[in-house]
Amino acid sequence: WMLFIEKDTDLELYEARKILEVQAAGLAAARADEDEINEMFEALE
């Protein structure tokens, strides 16, 4: 809700994404199964 009503938060959101998604990428590489990898490929297509 705060992100929805606050303005000019794009850069702050990317800072938060670095914290979350960098580690998420590492975990996904270690744990992703074939279906989940295919899901990423479909997004790329």
PDB file of all heavy atoms in Angstrom:
ATOM      1  N   TRP A   1       0.838  -1.208   0.000  1.00  0.00           N
ATOM      2  CA  TRP A   1       0.000   0.000   0.000  1.00  0.00           C
ATOM      3  C   TRP A   1       0.867   1.250   0.000  1.00  0.00           C
ATOM      4  O   TRP A   1       0.594   2.217  -0.717  1.00  0.00           O
ATOM      5  CB  TRP A   1      -0.924  -0.024   1.209  1.00  0.00           C
ATOM      6  CG  TRP A   1      -1.746   1.229   1.373  1.00  0.00           C
ATOM      7  CD1 TRP A   1      -1.654   2.146   2.360  1.00  0.00           C
ATOM      8  CD2 TRP A   1      -2.787   1.682   0.507  1.00  0.00           C
ATOM      9  NE1 TRP A   1      -2.569   3.146   2.170  1.00  0.00           N
ATOM     10  CE2 TRP A   1      -3.282   2.889   1.044  1.00  0.00           C
ATOM     11  CE3 TRP A   1      -3.356   1.184  -0.674  1.00  0.00           C
ATOM     12  CZ2 TRP A   1      -4.310   3.609   0.441  1.00  0.00           C
ATOM     13  CZ3 TRP A   1      -4.380   1.910  -1.269  1.00  0.00           C
ATOM     14  CH2 TRP A   1      -4.846   3.095  -0.706  1.00  0.00           C
ATOM     15  N   MET A   2       1.927   1.246   0.790  1.00  0.00           N
ATOM     16  CA  MET A   2       2.838   2.394   0.842  1.00  0.00           C
ATOM     17  C   MET A   2       3.474   2.644  -0.515  1.00  0.00           C
ATOM     18  O   MET A   2       3.549   3.775  -0.990  1.00  0.00           O
ATOM     19  CB  MET A   2       3.918   2.148   1.896  1.00  0.00           C
ATOM     20  CG  MET A   2       4.921   3.297   2.051  1.00  0.00           C
ATOM     21  SD  MET A   2       6.293   3.263   0.863  1.00  0.00           S
ATOM     22  CE  MET A   2       7.196   1.846   1.453  1.00  0.00           C
ATOM     23  N   LEU A   3       3.914   1.570  -1.188  1.00  0.00           N
ATOM     24  CA  LEU A   3       4.529   1.718  -2.499  1.00  0.00           C
ATOM     25  C   LEU A   3       3.533   2.235  -3.528  1.00  0.00           C
ATOM     26  O   LEU A   3       3.898   2.940  -4.459  1.00  0.00           O
ATOM     27  CB  LEU A   3       5.099   0.372  -2.969  1.00  0.00           C
ATOM     28  CG  LEU A   3       6.352  -0.102  -2.232  1.00  0.00           C
ATOM     29  CD1 LEU A   3       6.679  -1.539  -2.636  1.00  0.00           C
ATOM     30  CD2 LEU A   3       7.534   0.803  -2.519  1.00  0.00           C
ATOM     31  N   PHE A   4       2.263   1.880  -3.345  1.00  0.00           N
ATOM     32  CA  PHE A   4       1.235   2.330  -4.275  1.00  0.00           C
ATOM     33  C   PHE A   4       0.980   3.821  -4.146  1.00  0.00           C
ATOM     34  O   PHE A   4       0.825   4.529  -5.150  1.00  0.00           O
ATOM     35  CB  PHE A   4      -0.055   1.551  -4.022  1.00  0.00           C
ATOM     36  CG  PHE A   4      -1.204   1.993  -4.891  1.00  0.00           C
ATOM     37  CD1 PHE A   4      -1.246   1.617  -6.223  1.00  0.00           C
ATOM     38  CD2 PHE A   4      -2.215   2.777  -4.371  1.00  0.00           C
ATOM     39  CE1 PHE A   4      -2.304   2.028  -7.030  1.00  0.00           C
ATOM     40  CE2 PHE A   4      -3.266   3.197  -5.173  1.00  0.00           C
ATOM     41  CZ  PHE A   4      -3.314   2.817  -6.497  1.00  0.00           C
ATOM     42  N   ILE A   5       0.937   4.340  -2.912  1.00  0.00           N
ATOM     43  CA  ILE A   5       0.585   5.747  -2.723  1.00  0.00           C
ATOM     44  C   ILE A   5       1.793   6.675  -2.752  1.00  0.00           C
ATOM     45  O   ILE A   5       1.669   7.854  -3.026  1.00  0.00           O
ATOM     46  CB  ILE A   5      -0.196   5.961  -1.398  1.00  0.00           C
ATOM     47  CG1 ILE A   5       0.650   5.565  -0.182  1.00  0.00           C
ATOM     48  CG2 ILE A   5      -1.500   5.201  -1.416  1.00  0.00           C
ATOM     49  CD1 ILE A   5      -0.033   5.877   1.138  1.00  0.00           C
ATOM     50  N   GLU A   6       2.984   6.143  -2.467  1.00  0.00           N
ATOM     51  CA  GLU A   6       4.180   6.977  -2.488  1.00  0.00           C
ATOM     52  C   GLU A   6       4.639   7.203  -3.919  1.00  0.00           C
ATOM     53  O   GLU A   6       4.501   6.343  -4.775  1.00  0.00           O
ATOM     54  CB  GLU A   6       5.317   6.319  -1.700  1.00  0.00           C
ATOM     55  CG  GLU A   6       5.119   6.339  -0.201  1.00  0.00           C
ATOM     56  CD  GLU A   6       5.368   7.704   0.413  1.00  0.00           C
ATOM     57  OE1 GLU A   6       6.008   8.546  -0.241  1.00  0.00           O
ATOM     58  OE2 GLU A   6       4.916   7.920   1.542  1.00  0.00           O
ATOM     59  N   LYS A   7       5.210   8.368  -4.174  1.00  0.00           N
ATOM     60  CA  LYS A   7       5.725   8.693  -5.496  1.00  0.00           C
ATOM     61  C   LYS A   7       7.247   8.581  -5.490  1.00  0.00           C
ATOM     62  O   LYS A   7       7.892   8.654  -4.459  1.00  0.00           O
ATOM     63  CB  LYS A   7       5.310  10.125  -5.895  1.00  0.00           C
ATOM     64  CG  LYS A   7       3.809  10.386  -5.810  1.00  0.00           C
ATOM     65  CD  LYS A   7       3.024   9.456  -6.728  1.00  0.00           C
ATOM     66  CE  LYS A   7       1.523   9.721  -6.648  1.00  0.00           C
ATOM     67  NZ  LYS A   7       0.748   8.763  -7.442  1.00  0.00           N
ATOM     68  N   ASP A   8       7.802   8.439  -6.699  1.00  0.00           N
ATOM     69  CA  ASP A   8       9.263   8.434  -6.880  1.00  0.00           C
ATOM     70  C   ASP A   8       9.952   7.359  -6.042  1.00  0.00           C
ATOM     71  O   ASP A   8      10.971   7.608  -5.399  1.00  0.00           O
ATOM     72  CB  ASP A   8       9.857   9.817  -6.551  1.00  0.00           C
ATOM     73  CG  ASP A   8       9.232  10.914  -7.393  1.00  0.00           C
ATOM     74  OD1 ASP A   8       8.991  10.674  -8.590  1.00  0.00           O
ATOM     75  OD2 ASP A   8       8.985  12.003  -6.855  1.00  0.00           O
ATOM     76  N   THR A   9       9.383   6.155  -6.036  1.00  0.00           N
ATOM     77  CA  THR A   9       9.997   5.069  -5.277  1.00  0.00           C
ATOM     78  C   THR A   9      10.680   4.040  -6.172  1.00  0.00           C
ATOM     79  O   THR A   9      11.117   3.001  -5.686  1.00  0.00           O
ATOM     80  CB  THR A   9       8.942   4.345  -4.401  1.00  0.00           C
ATOM     81  OG1 THR A   9       7.893   3.881  -5.244  1.00  0.00           O
ATOM     82  CG2 THR A   9       8.394   5.264  -3.334  1.00  0.00           C
ATOM     83  N   ASP A  10      10.787   4.317  -7.469  1.00  0.00           N
ATOM     84  CA  ASP A  10      11.367   3.337  -8.393  1.00  0.00           C
ATOM     85  C   ASP A  10      12.770   2.918  -7.964  1.00  0.00           C
ATOM     86  O   ASP A  10      13.103   1.728  -7.932  1.00  0.00           O
ATOM     87  CB  ASP A  10      11.411   3.895  -9.815  1.00  0.00           C
ATOM     88  CG  ASP A  10      10.048   3.795 -10.496  1.00  0.00           C
ATOM     89  OD1 ASP A  10       9.076   3.427  -9.807  1.00  0.00           O
ATOM     90  OD2 ASP A  10       9.966   4.090 -11.698  1.00  0.00           O
ATOM     91  N   LEU A  11      13.614   3.890  -7.639  1.00  0.00           N
ATOM     92  CA  LEU A  11      14.993   3.562  -7.266  1.00  0.00           C
ATOM     93  C   LEU A  11      15.045   2.797  -5.944  1.00  0.00           C
ATOM     94  O   LEU A  11      15.848   1.876  -5.780  1.00  0.00           O
ATOM     95  CB  LEU A  11      15.837   4.834  -7.173  1.00  0.00           C
ATOM     96  CG  LEU A  11      16.164   5.510  -8.516  1.00  0.00           C
ATOM     97  CD1 LEU A  11      16.976   6.782  -8.285  1.00  0.00           C
ATOM     98  CD2 LEU A  11      16.925   4.564  -9.437  1.00  0.00           C
ATOM     99  N   GLU A  12      14.182   3.155  -5.004  1.00  0.00           N
ATOM    100  CA  GLU A  12      14.142   2.441  -3.731  1.00  0.00           C
ATOM    101  C   GLU A  12      13.669   1.003  -3.947  1.00  0.00           C
ATOM    102  O   GLU A  12      14.151   0.078  -3.286  1.00  0.00           O
ATOM    103  CB  GLU A  12      13.220   3.162  -2.755  1.00  0.00           C
ATOM    104  CG  GLU A  12      13.766   4.523  -2.315  1.00  0.00           C
ATOM    105  CD  GLU A  12      12.837   5.231  -1.354  1.00  0.00           C
ATOM    106  OE1 GLU A  12      11.956   4.571  -0.776  1.00  0.00           O
ATOM    107  OE2 GLU A  12      12.995   6.454  -1.188  1.00  0.00           O
ATOM    108  N   LEU A  13      12.739   0.824  -4.877  1.00  0.00           N
ATOM    109  CA  LEU A  13      12.263  -0.516  -5.183  1.00  0.00           C
ATOM    110  C   LEU A  13      13.386  -1.359  -5.777  1.00  0.00           C
ATOM    111  O   LEU A  13      13.529  -2.536  -5.441  1.00  0.00           O
ATOM    112  CB  LEU A  13      11.087  -0.447  -6.151  1.00  0.00           C
ATOM    113  CG  LEU A  13      10.408  -1.769  -6.518  1.00  0.00           C
ATOM    114  CD1 LEU A  13       9.946  -2.500  -5.268  1.00  0.00           C
ATOM    115  CD2 LEU A  13       9.246  -1.519  -7.451  1.00  0.00           C
ATOM    116  N   TYR A  14      14.213  -0.759  -6.627  1.00  0.00           N
ATOM    117  CA  TYR A  14      15.330  -1.514  -7.193  1.00  0.00           C
ATOM    118  C   TYR A  14      16.379  -1.851  -6.131  1.00  0.00           C
ATOM    119  O   TYR A  14      17.016  -2.909  -6.194  1.00  0.00           O
ATOM    120  CB  TYR A  14      15.961  -0.743  -8.356  1.00  0.00           C
ATOM    121  CG  TYR A  14      15.305  -1.094  -9.667  1.00  0.00           C
ATOM    122  CD1 TYR A  14      14.246  -0.348 -10.156  1.00  0.00           C
ATOM    123  CD2 TYR A  14      15.697  -2.213 -10.388  1.00  0.00           C
ATOM    124  CE1 TYR A  14      13.609  -0.690 -11.334  1.00  0.00           C
ATOM    125  CE2 TYR A  14      15.069  -2.568 -11.567  1.00  0.00           C
ATOM    126  CZ  TYR A  14      14.025  -1.802 -12.039  1.00  0.00           C
ATOM    127  OH  TYR A  14      13.394  -2.159 -13.197  1.00  0.00           O
ATOM    128  N   GLU A  15      16.563  -0.977  -5.149  1.00  0.00           N
ATOM    129  CA  GLU A  15      17.462  -1.306  -4.040  1.00  0.00           C
ATOM    130  C   GLU A  15      16.944  -2.529  -3.296  1.00  0.00           C
ATOM    131  O   GLU A  15      17.702  -3.446  -2.955  1.00  0.00           O
ATOM    132  CB  GLU A  15      17.586  -0.123  -3.083  1.00  0.00           C
ATOM    133  CG  GLU A  15      18.420   1.030  -3.621  1.00  0.00           C
ATOM    134  CD  GLU A  15      18.532   2.166  -2.629  1.00  0.00           C
ATOM    135  OE1 GLU A  15      17.863   2.110  -1.575  1.00  0.00           O
ATOM    136  OE2 GLU A  15      19.280   3.122  -2.894  1.00  0.00           O
ATOM    137  N   ALA A  16      15.631  -2.539  -3.040  1.00  0.00           N
ATOM    138  CA  ALA A  16      15.026  -3.676  -2.341  1.00  0.00           C
ATOM    139  C   ALA A  16      15.111  -4.940  -3.194  1.00  0.00           C
ATOM    140  O   ALA A  16      15.348  -6.041  -2.683  1.00  0.00           O
ATOM    141  CB  ALA A  16      13.564  -3.368  -2.006  1.00  0.00           C
ATOM    142  N   ARG A  17      14.930  -4.780  -4.500  1.00  0.00           N
ATOM    143  CA  ARG A  17      15.012  -5.932  -5.397  1.00  0.00           C
ATOM    144  C   ARG A  17      16.416  -6.545  -5.376  1.00  0.00           C
ATOM    145  O   ARG A  17      16.555  -7.765  -5.483  1.00  0.00           O
ATOM    146  CB  ARG A  17      14.630  -5.524  -6.816  1.00  0.00           C
ATOM    147  CG  ARG A  17      13.152  -5.230  -6.986  1.00  0.00           C
ATOM    148  CD  ARG A  17      12.841  -4.909  -8.432  1.00  0.00           C
ATOM    149  NE  ARG A  17      13.040  -6.071  -9.293  1.00  0.00           N
ATOM    150  CZ  ARG A  17      13.007  -6.016 -10.624  1.00  0.00           C
ATOM    151  NH1 ARG A  17      12.807  -4.871 -11.236  1.00  0.00           N
ATOM    152  NH2 ARG A  17      13.184  -7.118 -11.339  1.00  0.00           N
ATOM    153  N   LYS A  18      17.439  -5.701  -5.271  1.00  0.00           N
ATOM    154  CA  LYS A  18      18.801  -6.242  -5.210  1.00  0.00           C
ATOM    155  C   LYS A  18      18.963  -7.147  -3.992  1.00  0.00           C
ATOM    156  O   LYS A  18      19.630  -8.187  -4.062  1.00  0.00           O
ATOM    157  CB  LYS A  18      19.829  -5.105  -5.168  1.00  0.00           C
ATOM    158  CG  LYS A  18      20.112  -4.476  -6.523  1.00  0.00           C
ATOM    159  CD  LYS A  18      21.296  -3.533  -6.464  1.00  0.00           C
ATOM    160  CE  LYS A  18      21.021  -2.332  -5.591  1.00  0.00           C
ATOM    161  NZ  LYS A  18      22.141  -1.362  -5.607  1.00  0.00           N
ATOM    162  N   ILE A  19      18.365  -6.747  -2.884  1.00  0.00           N
ATOM    163  CA  ILE A  19      18.460  -7.546  -1.668  1.00  0.00           C
ATOM    164  C   ILE A  19      17.726  -8.875  -1.847  1.00  0.00           C
ATOM    165  O   ILE A  19      18.235  -9.948  -1.511  1.00  0.00           O
ATOM    166  CB  ILE A  19      17.881  -6.776  -0.470  1.00  0.00           C
ATOM    167  CG1 ILE A  19      18.722  -5.526  -0.206  1.00  0.00           C
ATOM    168  CG2 ILE A  19      17.829  -7.657   0.781  1.00  0.00           C
ATOM    169  CD1 ILE A  19      18.098  -4.556   0.779  1.00  0.00           C
ATOM    170  N   LEU A  20      16.518  -8.809  -2.408  1.00  0.00           N
ATOM    171  CA  LEU A  20      15.681  -9.998  -2.538  1.00  0.00           C
ATOM    172  C   LEU A  20      16.071 -10.884  -3.715  1.00  0.00           C
ATOM    173  O   LEU A  20      16.254 -12.096  -3.572  1.00  0.00           O
ATOM    174  CB  LEU A  20      14.217  -9.586  -2.705  1.00  0.00           C
ATOM    175  CG  LEU A  20      13.500  -8.998  -1.499  1.00  0.00           C
ATOM    176  CD1 LEU A  20      12.120  -8.507  -1.917  1.00  0.00           C
ATOM    177  CD2 LEU A  20      13.362 -10.047  -0.402  1.00  0.00           C
ATOM    178  N   GLU A  21      16.201 -10.277  -4.884  1.00  0.00           N
ATOM    179  CA  GLU A  21      16.269 -11.078  -6.102  1.00  0.00           C
ATOM    180  C   GLU A  21      17.644 -11.638  -6.420  1.00  0.00           C
ATOM    181  O   GLU A  21      17.742 -12.642  -7.141  1.00  0.00           O
ATOM    182  CB  GLU A  21      15.733 -10.264  -7.278  1.00  0.00           C
ATOM    183  CG  GLU A  21      14.249  -9.948  -7.134  1.00  0.00           C
ATOM    184  CD  GLU A  21      13.624  -9.497  -8.432  1.00  0.00           C
ATOM    185  OE1 GLU A  21      13.745 -10.217  -9.436  1.00  0.00           O
ATOM    186  OE2 GLU A  21      13.016  -8.419  -8.437  1.00  0.00           O
ATOM    187  N   VAL A  22      18.689 -11.011  -5.929  1.00  0.00           N
ATOM    188  CA  VAL A  22      20.020 -11.590  -6.147  1.00  0.00           C
ATOM    189  C   VAL A  22      20.113 -12.934  -5.430  1.00  0.00           C
ATOM    190  O   VAL A  22      20.534 -13.946  -6.004  1.00  0.00           O
ATOM    191  CB  VAL A  22      21.129 -10.626  -5.665  1.00  0.00           C
ATOM    192  CG1 VAL A  22      22.482 -11.327  -5.669  1.00  0.00           C
ATOM    193  CG2 VAL A  22      21.181  -9.396  -6.577  1.00  0.00           C
ATOM    194  N   GLN A  23      19.682 -12.960  -4.174  1.00  0.00           N
ATOM    195  CA  GLN A  23      19.687 -14.222  -3.432  1.00  0.00           C
ATOM    196  C   GLN A  23      18.664 -15.197  -4.004  1.00  0.00           C
ATOM    197  O   GLN A  23      18.895 -16.414  -4.027  1.00  0.00           O
ATOM    198  CB  GLN A  23      19.392 -13.958  -1.954  1.00  0.00           C
ATOM    199  CG  GLN A  23      20.458 -13.152  -1.236  1.00  0.00           C
ATOM    200  CD  GLN A  23      21.833 -13.800  -1.312  1.00  0.00           C
ATOM    201  OE1 GLN A  23      21.964 -15.019  -1.168  1.00  0.00           O
ATOM    202  NE2 GLN A  23      22.862 -12.999  -1.553  1.00  0.00           N
ATOM    203  N   ALA A  24      17.537 -14.657  -4.485  1.00  0.00           N
ATOM    204  CA  ALA A  24      16.521 -15.530  -5.082  1.00  0.00           C
ATOM    205  C   ALA A  24      17.069 -16.243  -6.309  1.00  0.00           C
ATOM    206  O   ALA A  24      16.793 -17.426  -6.524  1.00  0.00           O
ATOM    207  CB  ALA A  24      15.283 -14.708  -5.464  1.00  0.00           C
ATOM    208  N   ALA A  25      17.856 -15.542  -7.112  1.00  0.00           N
ATOM    209  CA  ALA A  25      18.453 -16.159  -8.304  1.00  0.00           C
ATOM    210  C   ALA A  25      19.376 -17.309  -7.902  1.00  0.00           C
ATOM    211  O   ALA A  25      19.388 -18.370  -8.546  1.00  0.00           O
ATOM    212  CB  ALA A  25      19.209 -15.117  -9.110  1.00  0.00           C
ATOM    213  N   GLY A  26      20.158 -17.099  -6.832  1.00  0.00           N
ATOM    214  CA  GLY A  26      21.044 -18.156  -6.352  1.00  0.00           C
ATOM    215  C   GLY A  26      20.280 -19.366  -5.854  1.00  0.00           C
ATOM    216  O   GLY A  26      20.638 -20.517  -6.153  1.00  0.00           O
ATOM    217  N   LEU A  27      19.201 -19.121  -5.110  1.00  0.00           N
ATOM    218  CA  LEU A  27      18.379 -20.227  -4.615  1.00  0.00           C
ATOM    219  C   LEU A  27      17.683 -20.955  -5.758  1.00  0.00           C
ATOM    220  O   LEU A  27      17.589 -22.189  -5.761  1.00  0.00           O
ATOM    221  CB  LEU A  27      17.329 -19.694  -3.632  1.00  0.00           C
ATOM    222  CG  LEU A  27      17.833 -19.238  -2.255  1.00  0.00           C
ATOM    223  CD1 LEU A  27      16.704 -18.606  -1.463  1.00  0.00           C
ATOM    224  CD2 LEU A  27      18.427 -20.413  -1.483  1.00  0.00           C
ATOM    225  N   ALA A  28      17.189 -20.192  -6.738  1.00  0.00           N
ATOM    226  CA  ALA A  28      16.512 -20.799  -7.882  1.00  0.00           C
ATOM    227  C   ALA A  28      17.467 -21.694  -8.660  1.00  0.00           C
ATOM    228  O   ALA A  28      17.091 -22.783  -9.113  1.00  0.00           O
ATOM    229  CB  ALA A  28      15.933 -19.718  -8.792  1.00  0.00           C
ATOM    230  N   ALA A  29      18.716 -21.235  -8.812  1.00  0.00           N
ATOM    231  CA  ALA A  29      19.707 -22.048  -9.531  1.00  0.00           C
ATOM    232  C   ALA A  29      19.951 -23.374  -8.814  1.00  0.00           C
ATOM    233  O   ALA A  29      20.171 -24.410  -9.443  1.00  0.00           O
ATOM    234  CB  ALA A  29      21.014 -21.271  -9.676  1.00  0.00           C
ATOM    235  N   ALA A  30      19.898 -23.342  -7.497  1.00  0.00           N
ATOM    236  CA  ALA A  30      20.149 -24.559  -6.716  1.00  0.00           C
ATOM    237  C   ALA A  30      18.925 -25.474  -6.648  1.00  0.00           C
ATOM    238  O   ALA A  30      19.070 -26.696  -6.541  1.00  0.00           O
ATOM    239  CB  ALA A  30      20.582 -24.176  -5.303  1.00  0.00           C
ATOM    240  N   ARG A  31      17.714 -24.876  -6.746  1.00  0.00           N
ATOM    241  CA  ARG A  31      16.514 -25.658  -6.439  1.00  0.00           C
ATOM    242  C   ARG A  31      15.521 -25.840  -7.584  1.00  0.00           C
ATOM    243  O   ARG A  31      14.616 -26.676  -7.472  1.00  0.00           O
ATOM    244  CB  ARG A  31      15.780 -24.982  -5.268  1.00  0.00           C
ATOM    245  CG  ARG A  31      16.610 -24.864  -4.009  1.00  0.00           C
ATOM    246  CD  ARG A  31      15.899 -24.033  -2.953  1.00  0.00           C
ATOM    247  NE  ARG A  31      16.676 -23.930  -1.721  1.00  0.00           N
ATOM    248  CZ  ARG A  31      16.329 -23.187  -0.682  1.00  0.00           C
ATOM    249  NH1 ARG A  31      15.201 -22.490  -0.712  1.00  0.00           N
ATOM    250  NH2 ARG A  31      17.100 -23.141   0.398  1.00  0.00           N
ATOM    251  N   ALA A  32      15.636 -25.080  -8.657  1.00  0.00           N
ATOM    252  CA  ALA A  32      14.619 -25.104  -9.716  1.00  0.00           C
ATOM    253  C   ALA A  32      14.500 -26.489 -10.353  1.00  0.00           C
ATOM    254  O   ALA A  32      15.510 -27.134 -10.657  1.00  0.00           O
ATOM    255  CB  ALA A  32      14.959 -24.073 -10.792  1.00  0.00           C
ATOM    256  N   ASP A  33      13.260 -26.929 -10.536  1.00  0.00           N
ATOM    257  CA  ASP A  33      13.046 -28.186 -11.249  1.00  0.00           C
ATOM    258  C   ASP A  33      12.793 -27.894 -12.726  1.00  0.00           C
ATOM    259  O   ASP A  33      12.779 -26.733 -13.160  1.00  0.00           O
ATOM    260  CB  ASP A  33      11.889 -28.981 -10.634  1.00  0.00           C
ATOM    261  CG  ASP A  33      10.571 -28.222 -10.638  1.00  0.00           C
ATOM    262  OD1 ASP A  33      10.336 -27.429 -11.570  1.00  0.00           O
ATOM    263  OD2 ASP A  33       9.767 -28.422  -9.707  1.00  0.00           O
ATOM    264  N   GLU A  34      12.583 -28.934 -13.507  1.00  0.00           N
ATOM    265  CA  GLU A  34      12.456 -28.774 -14.966  1.00  0.00           C
ATOM    266  C   GLU A  34      11.265 -27.900 -15.346  1.00  0.00           C
ATOM    267  O   GLU A  34      11.357 -27.060 -16.248  1.00  0.00           O
ATOM    268  CB  GLU A  34      12.321 -30.147 -15.617  1.00  0.00           C
ATOM    269  CG  GLU A  34      12.349 -30.106 -17.138  1.00  0.00           C
ATOM    270  CD  GLU A  34      12.323 -31.492 -17.764  1.00  0.00           C
ATOM    271  OE1 GLU A  34      12.515 -32.478 -17.029  1.00  0.00           O
ATOM    272  OE2 GLU A  34      12.096 -31.568 -18.994  1.00  0.00           O
ATOM    273  N   ASP A  35      10.140 -28.078 -14.665  1.00  0.00           N
ATOM    274  CA  ASP A  35       8.940 -27.287 -14.976  1.00  0.00           C
ATOM    275  C   ASP A  35       9.183 -25.806 -14.708  1.00  0.00           C
ATOM    276  O   ASP A  35       8.729 -24.941 -15.478  1.00  0.00           O
ATOM    277  CB  ASP A  35       7.749 -27.770 -14.143  1.00  0.00           C
ATOM    278  CG  ASP A  35       7.221 -29.115 -14.623  1.00  0.00           C
ATOM    279  OD1 ASP A  35       7.525 -29.480 -15.774  1.00  0.00           O
ATOM    280  OD2 ASP A  35       6.521 -29.783 -13.849  1.00  0.00           O
ATOM    281  N   GLU A  36       9.867 -25.498 -13.621  1.00  0.00           N
ATOM    282  CA  GLU A  36      10.125 -24.096 -13.275  1.00  0.00           C
ATOM    283  C   GLU A  36      11.106 -23.456 -14.247  1.00  0.00           C
ATOM    284  O   GLU A  36      10.974 -22.270 -14.598  1.00  0.00           O
ATOM    285  CB  GLU A  36      10.641 -24.022 -11.837  1.00  0.00           C
ATOM    286  CG  GLU A  36       9.558 -24.345 -10.816  1.00  0.00           C
ATOM    287  CD  GLU A  36      10.095 -24.773  -9.463  1.00  0.00           C
ATOM    288  OE1 GLU A  36      11.304 -25.091  -9.359  1.00  0.00           O
ATOM    289  OE2 GLU A  36       9.307 -24.787  -8.491  1.00  0.00           O
ATOM    290  N   ILE A  37      12.082 -24.220 -14.686  1.00  0.00           N
ATOM    291  CA  ILE A  37      13.019 -23.712 -15.701  1.00  0.00           C
ATOM    292  C   ILE A  37      12.283 -23.466 -17.017  1.00  0.00           C
ATOM    293  O   ILE A  37      12.516 -22.456 -17.696  1.00  0.00           O
ATOM    294  CB  ILE A  37      14.186 -24.698 -15.890  1.00  0.00           C
ATOM    295  CG1 ILE A  37      15.071 -24.686 -14.627  1.00  0.00           C
ATOM    296  CG2 ILE A  37      15.029 -24.320 -17.122  1.00  0.00           C
ATOM    297  CD1 ILE A  37      16.148 -25.736 -14.607  1.00  0.00           C
ATOM    298  N   ASN A  38      11.356 -24.353 -17.357  1.00  0.00           N
ATOM    299  CA  ASN A  38      10.550 -24.169 -18.562  1.00  0.00           C
ATOM    300  C   ASN A  38       9.673 -22.920 -18.458  1.00  0.00           C
ATOM    301  O   ASN A  38       9.441 -22.226 -19.455  1.00  0.00           O
ATOM    302  CB  ASN A  38       9.664 -25.394 -18.811  1.00  0.00           C
ATOM    303  CG  ASN A  38      10.462 -26.584 -19.316  1.00  0.00           C
ATOM    304  OD1 ASN A  38      11.548 -26.424 -19.865  1.00  0.00           O
ATOM    305  ND2 ASN A  38       9.923 -27.781 -19.123  1.00  0.00           N
ATOM    306  N   GLU A  39       9.192 -22.637 -17.253  1.00  0.00           N
ATOM    307  CA  GLU A  39       8.374 -21.446 -17.019  1.00  0.00           C
ATOM    308  C   GLU A  39       9.188 -20.177 -17.303  1.00  0.00           C
ATOM    309  O   GLU A  39       8.684 -19.228 -17.916  1.00  0.00           O
ATOM    310  CB  GLU A  39       7.860 -21.447 -15.574  1.00  0.00           C
ATOM    311  CG  GLU A  39       6.828 -20.378 -15.281  1.00  0.00           C
ATOM    312  CD  GLU A  39       6.285 -20.467 -13.866  1.00  0.00           C
ATOM    313  OE1 GLU A  39       6.824 -21.247 -13.066  1.00  0.00           O
ATOM    314  OE2 GLU A  39       5.321 -19.735 -13.565  1.00  0.00           O
ATOM    315  N   MET A  40      10.443 -20.169 -16.874  1.00  0.00           N
ATOM    316  CA  MET A  40      11.325 -19.023 -17.176  1.00  0.00           C
ATOM    317  C   MET A  40      11.571 -18.902 -18.671  1.00  0.00           C
ATOM    318  O   MET A  40      11.587 -17.789 -19.222  1.00  0.00           O
ATOM    319  CB  MET A  40      12.657 -19.189 -16.435  1.00  0.00           C
ATOM    320  CG  MET A  40      12.561 -19.121 -14.939  1.00  0.00           C
ATOM    321  SD  MET A  40      14.152 -19.500 -14.142  1.00  0.00           S
ATOM    322  CE  MET A  40      13.580 -20.339 -12.669  1.00  0.00           C
ATOM    323  N   PHE A  41      11.748 -20.048 -19.335  1.00  0.00           N
ATOM    324  CA  PHE A  41      11.987 -20.037 -20.781  1.00  0.00           C
ATOM    325  C   PHE A  41      10.775 -19.476 -21.521  1.00  0.00           C
ATOM    326  O   PHE A  41      10.917 -18.710 -22.490  1.00  0.00           O
ATOM    327  CB  PHE A  41      12.293 -21.455 -21.271  1.00  0.00           C
ATOM    328  CG  PHE A  41      12.563 -21.530 -22.747  1.00  0.00           C
ATOM    329  CD1 PHE A  41      13.776 -21.100 -23.267  1.00  0.00           C
ATOM    330  CD2 PHE A  41      11.596 -22.018 -23.610  1.00  0.00           C
ATOM    331  CE1 PHE A  41      14.018 -21.163 -24.639  1.00  0.00           C
ATOM    332  CE2 PHE A  41      11.827 -22.077 -24.978  1.00  0.00           C
ATOM    333  CZ  PHE A  41      13.045 -21.649 -25.495  1.00  0.00           C
ATOM    334  N   GLU A  42       9.569 -19.851 -21.075  1.00  0.00           N
ATOM    335  CA  GLU A  42       8.348 -19.336 -21.695  1.00  0.00           C
ATOM    336  C   GLU A  42       8.276 -17.812 -21.562  1.00  0.00           C
ATOM    337  O   GLU A  42       7.875 -17.119 -22.505  1.00  0.00           O
ATOM    338  CB  GLU A  42       7.127 -19.970 -21.042  1.00  0.00           C
ATOM    339  CG  GLU A  42       6.933 -21.436 -21.395  1.00  0.00           C
ATOM    340  CD  GLU A  42       5.840 -22.091 -20.570  1.00  0.00           C
ATOM    341  OE1 GLU A  42       5.131 -21.352 -19.836  1.00  0.00           O
ATOM    342  OE2 GLU A  42       5.694 -23.320 -20.646  1.00  0.00           O
ATOM    343  N   ALA A  43       8.676 -17.296 -20.415  1.00  0.00           N
ATOM    344  CA  ALA A  43       8.700 -15.841 -20.222  1.00  0.00           C
ATOM    345  C   ALA A  43       9.683 -15.188 -21.185  1.00  0.00           C
ATOM    346  O   ALA A  43       9.406 -14.121 -21.749  1.00  0.00           O
ATOM    347  CB  ALA A  43       9.068 -15.513 -18.774  1.00  0.00           C
ATOM    348  N   LEU A  44      10.819 -15.826 -21.377  1.00  0.00           N
ATOM    349  CA  LEU A  44      11.814 -15.298 -22.310  1.00  0.00           C
ATOM    350  C   LEU A  44      11.291 -15.287 -23.744  1.00  0.00           C
ATOM    351  O   LEU A  44      11.570 -14.348 -24.507  1.00  0.00           O
ATOM    352  CB  LEU A  44      13.097 -16.134 -22.243  1.00  0.00           C
ATOM    353  CG  LEU A  44      14.048 -15.846 -21.089  1.00  0.00           C
ATOM    354  CD1 LEU A  44      15.204 -16.850 -21.113  1.00  0.00           C
ATOM    355  CD2 LEU A  44      14.595 -14.430 -21.153  1.00  0.00           C
ATOM    356  N   GLU A  45      10.540 -16.318 -24.122  1.00  0.00           N
ATOM    357  CA  GLU A  45       9.987 -16.384 -25.473  1.00  0.00           C
ATOM    358  C   GLU A  45       8.987 -15.250 -25.703  1.00  0.00           C
ATOM    359  O   GLU A  45       8.941 -14.646 -26.782  1.00  0.00           O
ATOM    360  CB  GLU A  45       9.321 -17.741 -25.711  1.00  0.00           C
ATOM    361  CG  GLU A  45      10.314 -18.871 -25.913  1.00  0.00           C
ATOM    362  CD  GLU A  45      11.202 -18.632 -27.127  1.00  0.00           C
ATOM    363  OE1 GLU A  45      10.685 -18.678 -28.263  1.00  0.00           O
ATOM    364  OE2 GLU A  45      12.409 -18.371 -26.941  1.00  0.00           O
TER     365      GLU A  45
END
